[in-house]
């Protein structure tokens, strides 16, 4: 195959993946709806999502930050099963440093929803998947009645 055609097809494939990866719908003022940012596992699980941060709205802020409304952060196991789902009314997302934070409320649930943690104020670091909940932390654990002491 001609080298020029191969280069062109490679560029088109990269552009296609970039369009699929960022599904946010931009408006003229830089405001976006249906914002999504996805991180994938490294090889050999590179086709599986590691985490997905999404929101109903994203508004640009100074310093390259985004104000995300109706945040939903999902973390997945390598088999695709959800491990953790975090919801918050809003947060500030720094894509360059892979962090999200807020002084507002947060609700975290494990994959089956039987463990819930609520709190106020959080910091999530994407690089090491570390979530810190700052204040008023409350944990609820549902029992199925089969547990023994």
Protein backbone atom coordinates (compact mmCIF):
# COMPACT_ATOMS: atom_id res chain seq x y z
CA UNK A 1 0.00 0.00 0.00
CA UNK A 2 1.23 3.49 -0.79
CA UNK A 3 2.91 5.13 2.24
CA UNK A 4 0.89 8.35 1.77
CA UNK A 5 -2.38 6.42 1.83
CA UNK A 6 -1.28 4.51 4.94
CA UNK A 7 -0.42 7.76 6.72
CA UNK A 8 -3.76 9.29 5.69
CA UNK A 9 -5.71 6.25 6.95
CA UNK A 10 -3.80 6.30 10.23
CA UNK A 11 -4.60 10.01 10.71
CA UNK A 12 -8.28 9.39 9.95
CA UNK A 13 -8.36 6.52 12.47
CA UNK A 14 -6.80 8.72 15.19
CA UNK A 15 -9.29 11.51 14.44
CA UNK A 16 -12.18 9.01 14.57
CA UNK A 17 -11.02 7.69 17.97
CA UNK A 18 -10.66 11.23 19.32
CA UNK A 19 -14.21 12.08 18.22
CA UNK A 20 -15.61 8.93 19.84
CA UNK A 21 -13.58 9.48 23.04
CA UNK A 22 -14.87 13.00 23.69
CA UNK A 23 -18.61 12.87 23.29
CA UNK A 24 -19.26 16.29 24.83
CA UNK A 25 -21.45 18.54 22.74
CA UNK A 26 -19.79 21.95 22.52
CA UNK A 27 -21.72 25.18 22.37
CA UNK A 28 -20.30 28.44 20.97
CA UNK A 29 -19.30 29.77 24.43
CA UNK A 30 -17.17 26.67 25.24
CA UNK A 31 -19.89 25.22 27.46
CA UNK A 32 -20.45 21.49 26.91
CA UNK A 33 -23.24 19.05 27.67
CA UNK A 34 -22.96 15.27 28.09
CA UNK A 35 -19.28 15.50 29.07
CA UNK A 36 -17.36 12.21 29.31
CA UNK A 37 -13.71 11.39 30.00
CA UNK A 38 -12.62 7.73 29.89
CA UNK A 39 -9.44 6.02 31.08
CA UNK A 40 -8.56 2.51 29.86
CA UNK A 41 -6.43 -0.20 31.45
CA UNK A 42 -2.95 -0.86 30.10
CA UNK A 43 -2.17 -3.96 28.00
CA UNK A 44 -3.38 -6.67 27.93
CA UNK A 45 -6.69 -5.09 29.03
CA UNK A 46 -6.37 -1.92 26.94
CA UNK A 47 -9.87 -2.35 25.49
CA UNK A 48 -11.50 -2.30 28.94
CA UNK A 49 -12.56 0.86 30.75
CA UNK A 50 -10.78 1.54 34.01
CA UNK A 51 -12.75 4.67 34.88
CA UNK A 52 -15.32 7.01 33.37
CA UNK A 53 -15.93 10.54 34.61
CA UNK A 54 -19.06 12.12 33.19
CA UNK A 55 -21.37 15.03 33.79
CA UNK A 56 -24.49 16.67 32.43
CA UNK A 57 -22.61 19.95 31.87
CA UNK A 58 -19.00 21.12 31.71
CA UNK A 59 -18.03 24.77 31.86
CA UNK A 60 -14.44 25.94 31.19
CA UNK A 61 -12.66 27.78 33.99
CA UNK A 62 -9.31 29.57 34.20
CA UNK A 63 -6.21 27.40 34.12
CA UNK A 64 -7.74 24.73 31.89
CA UNK A 65 -10.11 23.50 34.62
CA UNK A 66 -13.70 22.38 34.05
CA UNK A 67 -16.68 22.87 36.33
CA UNK A 68 -18.64 19.63 35.99
CA UNK A 69 -22.33 19.56 36.98
CA UNK A 70 -24.02 16.28 37.99
CA UNK A 71 -20.74 14.39 38.26
CA UNK A 72 -20.75 10.63 37.90
CA UNK A 73 -17.46 8.79 38.40
CA UNK A 74 -17.44 5.07 37.68
CA UNK A 75 -14.54 2.68 38.31
CA UNK A 76 -14.48 -0.79 36.78
CA UNK A 77 -12.66 -4.08 37.35
CA UNK A 78 -10.73 -5.60 34.44
CA UNK A 79 -13.71 -7.92 33.81
CA UNK A 80 -15.93 -4.86 33.19
CA UNK A 81 -17.90 -5.14 36.44
CA UNK A 82 -18.53 -1.83 38.22
CA UNK A 83 -16.58 -1.51 41.46
CA UNK A 84 -17.48 2.01 42.58
CA UNK A 85 -19.93 4.70 41.49
CA UNK A 86 -19.52 8.24 42.83
CA UNK A 87 -22.15 10.96 42.36
CA UNK A 88 -21.85 14.65 43.26
CA UNK A 89 -23.82 17.76 42.28
CA UNK A 90 -20.64 19.39 40.94
CA UNK A 91 -16.86 19.31 40.99
CA UNK A 92 -13.83 20.97 39.47
CA UNK A 93 -12.01 18.63 37.06
CA UNK A 94 -8.35 19.12 36.16
CA UNK A 95 -7.76 16.83 33.18
CA UNK A 96 -4.05 17.75 32.94
CA UNK A 97 -3.37 16.48 36.47
CA UNK A 98 -6.14 13.84 36.57
CA UNK A 99 -7.92 15.22 39.63
CA UNK A 100 -11.50 16.10 40.56
CA UNK A 101 -12.50 17.92 43.73
CA UNK A 102 -15.40 19.66 45.41
CA UNK A 103 -16.38 21.07 48.78
CA UNK A 104 -19.94 19.86 48.17
CA UNK A 105 -21.79 16.61 48.84
CA UNK A 106 -20.74 13.22 47.55
CA UNK A 107 -22.36 9.78 47.44
CA UNK A 108 -20.23 6.70 46.82
CA UNK A 109 -21.67 3.21 46.27
CA UNK A 110 -19.92 -0.08 45.68
CA UNK A 111 -20.79 -2.15 42.61
CA UNK A 112 -23.86 -3.85 44.09
CA UNK A 113 -25.03 -0.75 45.99
CA UNK A 114 -24.92 -2.44 49.41
CA UNK A 115 -22.21 -0.14 50.74
CA UNK A 116 -22.86 3.60 50.60
CA UNK A 117 -20.63 6.39 51.82
CA UNK A 118 -21.82 9.97 52.00
CA UNK A 119 -19.74 13.01 52.84
CA UNK A 120 -18.92 16.61 52.09
CA UNK A 121 -15.79 17.59 50.24
CA UNK A 122 -13.62 15.24 48.23
CA UNK A 123 -10.48 14.86 46.13
CA UNK A 124 -10.10 12.12 43.52
CA UNK A 125 -6.69 11.36 41.99
CA UNK A 126 -7.02 9.42 38.76
CA UNK A 127 -3.38 8.28 38.62
CA UNK A 128 -3.60 6.12 41.75
CA UNK A 129 -7.42 5.86 41.95
CA UNK A 130 -7.38 7.46 45.39
CA UNK A 131 -10.51 9.14 46.73
CA UNK A 132 -10.40 11.26 49.88
CA UNK A 133 -13.69 12.29 51.51
CA UNK A 134 -13.09 15.22 53.83
CA UNK A 135 -16.03 15.92 56.16
CA UNK A 136 -19.26 14.55 57.63
CA UNK A 137 -18.52 11.02 56.42
CA UNK A 138 -21.28 8.48 57.00
CA UNK A 139 -21.20 4.82 55.91
CA UNK A 140 -24.21 2.55 55.45
CA UNK A 141 -23.81 -1.21 54.92
CA UNK A 142 -26.81 -3.30 53.90
CA UNK A 143 -26.92 -6.84 55.16
CA UNK A 144 -28.62 -9.64 53.29
CA UNK A 145 -29.32 -11.43 56.58
CA UNK A 146 -26.89 -14.26 55.75
CA UNK A 147 -23.88 -12.79 57.52
CA UNK A 148 -22.59 -14.34 60.74
CA UNK A 149 -20.95 -12.29 63.50
